[in-house]
Protein backbone atom coordinates (compact mmCIF):
# COMPACT_ATOMS: atom_id res chain seq x y z
CA MET A 1 160.90 38.58 25.92
CA PRO A 2 163.78 38.58 23.41
CA ASP A 3 163.73 36.03 20.71
CA ASN A 4 166.74 34.08 22.12
CA PHE A 5 165.02 33.51 25.44
CA ILE A 6 162.78 30.54 26.03
CA ASP A 7 160.79 28.87 28.79
CA ILE A 8 161.57 25.13 29.25
CA ALA A 9 158.48 22.95 29.78
CA SER A 10 159.97 19.42 29.85
CA LEU A 11 162.88 17.13 29.09
CA ASP A 12 163.31 14.93 26.03
CA MET A 13 164.66 11.37 26.01
CA ASP A 14 168.22 12.63 25.77
CA GLY A 15 167.86 14.93 28.80
CA ARG A 16 167.57 18.17 26.74
CA GLY A 17 165.19 20.93 27.82
CA VAL A 18 162.20 21.31 25.50
CA GLY A 19 160.52 24.64 24.91
CA HIS A 20 158.43 26.23 22.19
CA VAL A 21 158.89 29.58 20.40
CA ALA A 22 155.51 31.37 20.36
CA ASN A 23 153.82 32.08 16.96
CA GLU A 24 152.46 35.51 16.19
CA ASP A 25 148.99 34.48 17.40
CA GLY A 26 150.43 33.28 20.68
CA SER A 27 150.18 29.57 19.94
CA ALA A 28 153.09 27.16 20.48
CA GLY A 29 155.44 27.22 17.48
CA LYS A 30 158.72 25.59 16.61
CA VAL A 31 160.18 23.18 19.19
CA ILE A 32 163.58 24.16 20.57
CA PHE A 33 165.76 21.48 22.27
CA VAL A 34 168.16 23.20 24.68
CA GLU A 35 171.14 21.18 26.01
CA GLY A 36 171.72 21.88 29.68
CA ALA A 37 168.31 23.43 30.30
CA LEU A 38 165.71 22.02 32.88
CA PRO A 39 162.02 22.18 33.18
CA GLY A 40 160.73 25.38 34.78
CA GLU A 41 163.69 27.36 33.69
CA ARG A 42 163.92 30.45 31.52
CA VAL A 43 167.11 30.34 29.47
CA SER A 44 168.87 32.09 26.59
CA TYR A 45 170.22 29.86 23.85
CA LEU A 46 172.35 29.56 20.78
CA THR A 47 171.11 27.34 17.97
CA PHE A 48 173.67 24.99 16.40
CA LYS A 49 171.25 22.89 14.24
CA LYS A 50 168.08 24.14 12.51
CA LYS A 51 165.28 22.26 10.78
CA LYS A 52 161.82 23.34 9.59
CA ASN A 53 159.97 22.33 12.73
CA TRP A 54 162.63 22.21 15.38
CA GLU A 55 166.05 23.59 16.44
CA MET A 56 168.88 22.16 18.53
CA ALA A 57 170.55 24.59 20.80
CA SER A 58 173.02 25.14 23.66
CA MET A 59 172.14 27.11 26.73
CA THR A 60 174.10 30.34 26.96
CA GLY A 61 172.42 31.93 29.97
CA LEU A 62 170.08 31.15 32.88
CA GLN A 63 167.47 33.74 33.79
CA ARG A 64 165.19 31.58 36.05
CA GLU A 65 166.65 28.51 37.75
CA SER A 66 164.88 25.25 38.52
CA ALA A 67 164.77 24.07 42.19
CA LEU A 68 165.97 20.69 40.81
CA ARG A 69 169.26 22.08 39.41
CA VAL A 70 172.37 20.97 41.35
CA THR A 71 176.10 21.58 41.00
CA PRO A 72 177.66 18.90 38.98
CA LYS A 73 180.11 16.82 41.01
CA CYS A 74 182.51 16.32 38.14
CA PRO A 75 184.56 19.34 37.04
CA HIS A 76 184.60 18.00 33.52
CA PHE A 77 180.78 17.93 33.17
CA GLY A 78 179.66 19.84 30.11
CA MET A 79 182.77 19.13 28.21
CA CYS A 80 183.06 15.29 28.59
CA GLY A 81 180.44 13.32 26.82
CA GLY A 82 180.33 10.53 29.47
CA CYS A 83 177.37 12.11 31.44
CA SER A 84 174.54 14.38 30.34
CA MET A 85 172.46 14.88 33.56
CA GLN A 86 174.74 15.66 36.50
CA HIS A 87 173.06 19.09 36.66
CA LEU A 88 169.73 17.48 37.62
CA GLU A 89 168.98 16.21 41.08
CA ALA A 90 169.36 12.33 41.26
CA SER A 91 165.77 11.45 42.10
CA ALA A 92 164.46 13.83 39.42
CA GLN A 93 166.64 12.02 36.87
CA VAL A 94 164.95 8.77 37.72
CA ALA A 95 161.45 10.43 37.62
CA MET A 96 162.25 11.77 34.12
CA LYS A 97 163.23 8.26 33.02
CA GLN A 98 159.99 6.96 34.40
CA ARG A 99 158.06 9.55 32.40
CA VAL A 100 160.00 8.51 29.23
CA LEU A 101 158.99 4.85 29.73
CA GLU A 102 155.37 5.69 30.42
CA ASP A 103 155.18 8.08 27.40
CA ASN A 104 156.67 5.45 25.15
CA LEU A 105 154.25 2.76 26.29
CA LYS A 106 151.32 5.17 25.82
CA HIS A 107 152.23 6.77 22.52
CA ILE A 108 154.14 3.93 20.74
CA GLY A 109 152.57 0.80 22.33
CA LYS A 110 149.08 2.19 23.13
CA VAL A 111 149.39 0.31 26.46
CA LYS A 112 149.27 1.27 30.09
CA PRO A 113 150.70 -0.89 32.90
CA GLY A 114 148.36 -1.96 35.63
CA THR A 115 150.95 -0.94 38.13
CA VAL A 116 153.98 1.36 37.83
CA MET A 117 156.82 -0.27 39.80
CA ARG A 118 158.92 1.68 42.17
CA PRO A 119 162.30 2.47 40.52
CA THR A 120 165.28 0.30 41.26
CA TYR A 121 168.18 2.37 42.53
CA GLY A 122 171.85 1.71 43.18
CA PRO A 123 174.93 3.86 43.89
CA SER A 124 175.00 7.14 41.94
CA TRP A 125 178.78 7.47 41.76
CA GLY A 126 181.61 5.03 41.08
CA TYR A 127 179.18 2.59 39.54
CA ARG A 128 180.67 1.99 36.11
CA PHE A 129 182.44 -1.40 36.12
CA ARG A 130 182.60 -1.55 32.33
CA ALA A 131 183.88 1.19 30.08
CA ARG A 132 185.58 1.76 26.73
CA LEU A 133 188.18 4.48 27.10
CA SER A 134 189.59 6.22 24.00
CA VAL A 135 193.34 7.00 23.83
CA ARG A 136 194.89 9.79 21.82
CA HIS A 137 198.41 11.09 21.65
CA VAL A 138 197.95 14.89 21.13
CA LYS A 139 201.32 15.90 19.67
CA LYS A 140 200.54 19.63 19.95
CA LYS A 141 200.07 19.24 23.69
CA GLY A 142 202.85 16.72 24.04
CA GLU A 143 200.62 14.40 26.07
CA VAL A 144 198.36 11.37 25.89
CA LEU A 145 194.66 11.66 26.72
CA VAL A 146 192.65 8.73 28.12
CA GLY A 147 188.84 9.04 28.62
CA PHE A 148 185.50 9.48 26.95
CA HIS A 149 184.85 11.59 23.88
CA GLU A 150 184.01 15.23 24.22
CA LYS A 151 180.36 16.19 23.60
CA LYS A 152 179.41 16.24 19.94
CA SER A 153 183.07 15.58 19.02
CA THR A 154 185.50 12.81 18.16
CA PHE A 155 188.10 14.48 20.37
CA VAL A 156 189.01 12.70 23.61
CA ALA A 157 188.09 14.78 26.65
CA ASP A 158 191.06 15.97 28.77
CA ILE A 159 189.83 14.46 32.07
CA LYS A 160 191.93 14.06 35.18
CA ARG A 161 189.25 12.17 37.23
CA CYS A 162 185.90 10.44 36.41
CA GLU A 163 183.26 10.37 39.14
CA ILE A 164 181.27 7.50 37.60
CA LEU A 165 184.31 5.14 37.45
CA PRO A 166 185.27 3.35 40.69
CA PRO A 167 187.75 5.52 42.65
CA HIS A 168 190.63 3.14 42.16
CA VAL A 169 190.17 3.41 38.38
CA SER A 170 189.66 7.17 38.43
CA ASP A 171 192.86 7.49 40.45
CA MET A 172 194.61 5.44 37.77
CA LEU A 173 193.76 7.80 34.78
CA LEU A 174 196.75 10.16 35.13
CA PRO A 175 199.31 7.42 35.73
CA LEU A 176 197.84 5.54 32.81
CA ARG A 177 198.33 8.54 30.57
CA ALA A 178 201.90 8.77 31.69
CA LEU A 179 202.51 5.03 31.08
CA ILE A 180 201.10 5.16 27.54
CA GLY A 181 203.09 8.28 26.89
CA SER A 182 206.28 6.37 27.66
CA LEU A 183 205.56 3.41 25.33
CA SER A 184 207.06 2.99 21.93
CA ILE A 185 203.56 2.36 20.49
CA LEU A 186 201.88 5.48 21.94
CA ASP A 187 200.40 6.33 18.54
CA GLN A 188 199.21 2.84 17.93
CA LEU A 189 197.17 2.19 21.08
CA PRO A 190 193.77 3.73 20.29
CA GLN A 191 191.59 2.18 23.06
CA ILE A 192 191.53 0.61 26.49
CA GLU A 193 188.60 -1.51 27.63
CA LEU A 194 187.87 -1.66 31.35
CA ALA A 195 186.24 -4.65 33.03
CA ILE A 196 185.95 -5.08 36.73
CA GLY A 197 184.96 -8.32 38.54
CA ASP A 198 184.66 -9.29 42.18
CA GLN A 199 188.37 -9.63 42.76
CA LEU A 200 190.03 -8.24 39.67
CA THR A 201 190.34 -5.15 37.46
CA VAL A 202 191.27 -5.81 33.86
CA LEU A 203 192.50 -3.37 31.20
CA VAL A 204 192.39 -4.53 27.60
CA ALA A 205 194.84 -2.53 25.47
CA ARG A 206 193.96 -2.43 21.73
CA ILE A 207 197.41 -2.49 20.12
CA MET A 208 198.17 -1.96 16.42
CA ALA A 209 201.81 -2.82 16.69
CA PRO A 210 203.90 -5.25 18.77
CA LEU A 211 205.24 -4.27 22.17
CA THR A 212 208.95 -3.93 22.72
CA ALA A 213 210.70 -5.68 25.64
CA ASP A 214 210.86 -2.29 27.34
CA ASP A 215 207.08 -1.66 26.78
CA GLU A 216 206.37 -5.04 28.37
CA GLU A 217 208.44 -4.34 31.42
CA LYS A 218 206.71 -1.00 31.90
CA MET A 219 203.23 -2.50 31.56
CA LYS A 220 204.10 -5.29 33.97
CA ALA A 221 205.38 -2.86 36.57
CA PHE A 222 202.13 -0.78 36.20
CA ALA A 223 200.04 -3.94 36.74
CA ASP A 224 202.00 -4.80 39.90
CA ARG A 225 201.71 -1.30 41.28
CA TYR A 226 197.98 -0.80 40.60
CA ARG A 227 197.00 -4.46 41.03
CA ILE A 228 195.35 -4.84 37.65
CA GLN A 229 195.61 -7.42 34.94
CA TRP A 230 196.58 -6.50 31.30
CA TRP A 231 195.02 -8.08 28.33
CA LEU A 232 196.20 -7.37 24.79
CA GLN A 233 193.87 -7.13 21.70
CA THR A 234 195.58 -7.09 18.28
CA LYS A 235 192.46 -7.13 16.01
CA GLY A 236 188.85 -7.97 16.82
CA PRO A 237 187.46 -8.87 20.29
CA ASP A 238 188.24 -12.58 19.55
CA THR A 239 191.99 -11.80 19.64
CA ALA A 240 191.90 -10.40 23.17
CA ALA A 241 194.13 -12.52 25.43
CA PRO A 242 195.61 -12.20 28.99
CA PHE A 243 199.17 -10.74 29.06
CA TYR A 244 200.09 -10.15 32.72
CA PRO A 245 199.61 -11.54 35.27
CA LEU A 246 198.26 -14.83 33.89
CA GLU A 247 197.07 -16.75 36.92
CA ARG A 248 194.08 -14.61 37.82
CA GLU A 249 190.44 -15.07 36.63
CA LEU A 250 187.74 -12.46 36.01
CA TYR A 251 184.32 -13.24 37.48
CA TYR A 252 181.33 -11.79 39.30
CA LEU A 253 179.13 -13.25 42.05
CA LEU A 254 175.37 -13.48 42.35
CA PRO A 255 175.41 -14.39 46.03
CA GLU A 256 171.65 -14.64 46.43
CA PHE A 257 171.80 -17.71 44.15
CA ALA A 258 175.29 -18.98 45.00
CA VAL A 259 176.25 -18.42 41.33
CA ARG A 260 179.81 -17.50 40.20
CA MET A 261 179.97 -16.15 36.63
CA PRO A 262 183.39 -16.13 34.92
CA PHE A 263 183.60 -13.81 31.96
CA LYS A 264 186.08 -12.21 29.57
CA PRO A 265 186.73 -8.49 29.63
CA VAL A 266 185.45 -8.21 26.07
CA ASP A 267 182.12 -10.07 26.77
CA PHE A 268 178.91 -8.18 27.20
CA THR A 269 178.14 -7.86 30.94
CA GLN A 270 176.10 -5.21 32.65
CA VAL A 271 177.93 -1.91 33.24
CA ASN A 272 176.50 -1.46 36.70
CA TYR A 273 177.62 -4.31 38.92
CA HIS A 274 175.48 -3.41 41.88
CA ILE A 275 172.31 -2.83 39.81
CA ASN A 276 172.88 -6.11 38.01
CA ARG A 277 172.52 -8.06 41.24
CA LEU A 278 169.29 -6.19 42.15
CA LEU A 279 168.02 -6.61 38.55
CA VAL A 280 168.45 -10.41 38.67
CA VAL A 281 166.76 -10.68 42.01
CA LYS A 282 163.87 -8.48 40.89
CA ALA A 283 163.40 -10.26 37.60
CA LEU A 284 163.18 -13.68 39.22
CA ARG A 285 160.83 -12.40 41.91
CA LEU A 286 158.49 -11.03 39.22
CA LEU A 287 158.75 -14.06 36.99
CA ASP A 288 158.16 -16.31 40.05
CA PRO A 289 159.43 -19.62 38.62
CA GLN A 290 158.14 -22.73 40.38
CA PRO A 291 160.04 -25.91 41.09
CA ASP A 292 158.05 -27.97 38.61
CA GLU A 293 158.23 -25.50 35.73
CA ARG A 294 160.22 -25.23 32.56
CA ILE A 295 161.53 -21.66 31.78
CA ALA A 296 162.95 -19.93 28.71
CA ASP A 297 165.66 -17.30 28.94
CA LEU A 298 165.87 -15.53 25.57
CA PHE A 299 168.97 -13.53 24.61
CA CYS A 300 170.69 -15.41 27.52
CA GLY A 301 174.32 -14.31 26.87
CA LEU A 302 176.62 -15.99 29.41
CA GLY A 303 173.69 -17.08 31.57
CA ASN A 304 173.24 -13.96 33.79
CA PHE A 305 169.58 -14.94 34.27
CA THR A 306 169.73 -18.57 33.18
CA LEU A 307 171.78 -19.92 36.08
CA PRO A 308 169.84 -18.13 38.80
CA LEU A 309 166.62 -19.37 37.21
CA ALA A 310 168.08 -22.94 37.27
CA THR A 311 168.26 -22.69 41.07
CA LYS A 312 164.49 -22.14 41.21
CA ALA A 313 162.88 -24.06 38.34
CA ARG A 314 162.82 -27.67 37.17
CA ALA A 315 164.52 -26.80 33.82
CA VAL A 316 165.78 -23.70 32.03
CA MET A 317 166.70 -23.32 28.30
CA GLY A 318 168.96 -20.37 27.45
CA ILE A 319 168.76 -19.22 23.87
CA GLU A 320 171.23 -16.96 22.16
CA GLY A 321 172.44 -16.23 18.64
CA SER A 322 176.07 -16.97 19.12
CA SER A 323 177.30 -20.56 19.56
CA SER A 324 180.39 -19.38 21.31
CA LEU A 325 178.17 -17.66 23.92
CA THR A 326 175.93 -20.69 24.42
CA GLU A 327 179.01 -22.95 24.72
CA ARG A 328 180.50 -20.70 27.41
CA ALA A 329 177.08 -20.39 29.21
CA LEU A 330 177.05 -24.13 29.34
CA GLU A 331 180.57 -24.13 30.82
CA ASN A 332 179.36 -21.66 33.46
CA ALA A 333 176.38 -23.92 34.29
CA ARG A 334 178.76 -26.89 34.71
CA ALA A 335 181.06 -24.79 36.96
CA ASN A 336 178.13 -24.05 39.22
CA GLY A 337 176.78 -27.57 39.27
CA LEU A 338 173.68 -26.67 37.26
CA GLU A 339 174.23 -28.54 34.07
CA GLY A 340 171.52 -31.03 34.87
CA LYS A 341 168.87 -28.28 34.92
CA THR A 342 170.10 -26.13 32.05
CA THR A 343 170.20 -26.56 28.28
CA PHE A 344 171.34 -23.96 25.70
CA SER A 345 170.21 -23.47 22.08
CA THR A 346 171.87 -21.28 19.43
CA ARG A 347 169.19 -19.59 17.33
CA ASN A 348 168.84 -16.23 15.59
CA LEU A 349 166.08 -14.70 17.73
CA PHE A 350 165.69 -11.78 15.29
CA GLU A 351 164.26 -14.24 12.78
CA VAL A 352 162.51 -16.73 15.04
CA THR A 353 159.07 -18.02 13.99
CA ALA A 354 156.06 -19.67 15.74
CA ASP A 355 157.25 -23.08 14.35
CA ASP A 356 160.72 -22.47 15.90
CA LEU A 357 159.11 -21.85 19.32
CA LEU A 358 156.86 -24.96 18.90
CA ALA A 359 159.97 -27.04 18.14
CA LEU A 360 161.55 -25.96 21.42
CA GLY A 361 158.65 -27.32 23.44
CA LYS A 362 156.23 -25.68 25.95
CA PHE A 363 157.63 -23.15 28.44
CA ASP A 364 155.66 -22.26 31.50
CA ARG A 365 157.34 -18.82 31.84
CA MET A 366 159.71 -16.73 29.74
CA LEU A 367 162.32 -14.08 30.39
CA ILE A 368 163.38 -11.78 27.53
CA ASP A 369 166.44 -9.65 27.71
CA PRO A 370 167.19 -8.35 24.20
CA PRO A 371 169.63 -5.70 23.00
CA ARG A 372 168.47 -2.27 21.90
CA ASP A 373 166.82 -3.66 18.79
CA GLY A 374 164.26 -5.41 20.98
CA ALA A 375 162.55 -8.76 20.38
CA MET A 376 159.93 -8.01 17.71
CA ALA A 377 160.29 -11.35 15.93
CA VAL A 378 159.84 -13.24 19.17
CA CYS A 379 156.73 -11.26 20.02
CA GLN A 380 155.32 -11.81 16.51
CA ALA A 381 155.93 -15.52 16.94
CA LEU A 382 154.10 -15.44 20.23
CA ALA A 383 151.16 -13.58 18.53
CA ALA A 384 151.10 -16.29 15.81
CA LEU A 385 150.88 -18.98 18.58
CA HIS A 386 148.10 -17.06 20.21
CA ALA A 387 146.12 -17.51 17.00
CA SER A 388 147.06 -21.16 16.38
CA GLU A 389 148.21 -22.78 19.66
CA PRO A 390 147.20 -20.50 22.55
CA ALA A 391 147.62 -23.26 25.17
CA PHE A 392 151.37 -23.40 24.11
CA LEU A 393 152.08 -19.83 25.25
CA PRO A 394 153.96 -19.14 28.52
CA LYS A 395 151.60 -17.73 31.22
CA ARG A 396 154.02 -15.00 32.30
CA ILE A 397 156.77 -13.01 30.56
CA VAL A 398 159.30 -10.72 32.21
CA TYR A 399 160.91 -8.38 29.60
CA VAL A 400 164.11 -6.65 30.61
CA SER A 401 164.76 -3.65 28.22
CA CYS A 402 167.54 -1.22 27.52
CA SER A 403 165.38 0.73 25.02
CA PRO A 404 161.90 2.11 26.09
CA SER A 405 160.83 2.59 22.43
CA THR A 406 161.45 -1.02 21.39
CA LEU A 407 159.89 -2.31 24.63
CA ALA A 408 156.86 -0.19 23.83
CA ARG A 409 156.73 -1.49 20.33
CA ASP A 410 156.97 -5.09 21.48
CA ALA A 411 154.46 -4.49 24.21
CA ALA A 412 151.96 -3.49 21.64
CA ILE A 413 152.34 -6.85 19.92
CA LEU A 414 152.13 -8.81 23.11
CA VAL A 415 149.02 -7.02 24.39
CA HIS A 416 147.11 -6.27 21.16
CA GLU A 417 148.02 -9.43 19.17
CA ALA A 418 149.26 -12.13 21.64
CA GLY A 419 146.63 -11.93 24.33
CA TYR A 420 148.80 -10.67 27.19
CA VAL A 421 148.11 -8.01 29.86
CA LEU A 422 150.76 -5.58 30.81
CA GLN A 423 150.57 -5.97 34.57
CA GLN A 424 153.62 -3.97 35.69
CA ALA A 425 156.42 -1.78 34.30
CA GLY A 426 159.09 0.39 35.87
CA VAL A 427 162.59 1.72 35.40
CA VAL A 428 165.94 0.44 36.69
CA ASN A 429 168.52 3.22 37.16
CA MET A 430 171.37 1.31 35.51
CA PHE A 431 173.15 4.44 34.26
CA PRO A 432 172.89 7.38 36.71
CA HIS A 433 173.60 10.86 35.31
CA THR A 434 172.93 9.74 31.76
CA SER A 435 169.74 9.68 29.72
CA HIS A 436 169.92 5.95 29.25
CA VAL A 437 166.65 4.21 30.35
CA GLU A 438 166.73 0.58 31.56
CA SER A 439 163.36 -0.85 32.31
CA MET A 440 161.42 -3.95 33.17
CA ALA A 441 157.83 -5.04 32.33
CA VAL A 442 155.71 -8.07 33.29
CA PHE A 443 153.11 -9.59 30.93
CA GLU A 444 150.48 -12.10 32.05
CA ARG A 445 148.14 -14.20 29.93
CA GLY A 446 144.81 -12.41 29.83
């Protein structure tokens, strides 16, 4: 077999095919990561990055095709960097993510869940209710591009449609390009943030110069025609403010708990609206809060889990590092009539100690939903309590994760140092057609 051909054995965490070049003695040699290749395939490849023990390559030909390979739905797949796995059958994508989670728990955390939960699925297309779209005026082409970056590039992909955006937003991309191309500030509008709620679609235009009166009229006409609301952002996210129309409010519903969550388009909320509903329901079912219990919700944000928990438990404390977030979470609790069962505390959870947790009082159960950095300080504080005040520890923890590696690291602390048992773990397919792995784990006092 020629040197530029390779058999693909597996996928890595980023959805690239993994193969080995054979040594002279026939043993497995250097690892080759091949973009676009799938397990079971034989491919030809072209290396674009080379290190001593591995190479990164692009697939140039397909000699043996996997039965799991499908035709990508999007005509821009392979050029646009928004998706990486449209060529892999949808259920196989989820199975790959499940293996990534299990491998991380095994090799990083040295733990194994008692039960692997069935994956949580939602819609595979039109699911992205949050997005940050780059805008570029390409003078050589005489047009404006709006979309995601090209793969391995800072250039904006020339896309006409996007299959992971809701259809009404995808249909808006070309008219949006035309609108921006007609504005006086077309070279000073680098980004548009998308946020969709239950009854409203908001576009946040990042503008580096003031709009003219003509610009304003054009943007208002666009908002009326496509039934969206414009916000303008002149500097950081704190400067984002509604422009037109003014009388509408962005919110999403959690109908299973009769909760209505107002939010700003620059706030962090889950990208996948449908999966978030399922995620909240599943997390609460796994945590199983009782009417007489006090619950902690760490990294609570605007109260996505806190307010539903307050409908089930005696009392819930939401903890977050930003005072502006905790203040607005309290406003959301008041708007839903739950202020009597919720309190919010502003603390840096990346530096929390056992004494800090003791000062907050005993919690019967705990939900942890950290960013990609994970919750190592929290887990270390729980481990310290296990050594000094074991009766103070929550009897059950549900950990919602957007990074399998930091979940595995934190699981090692909870299991090997804090006296917990990893009862269950599984993936949530929050981002179909990407390699992003969202997961959930349940820890119980041993």
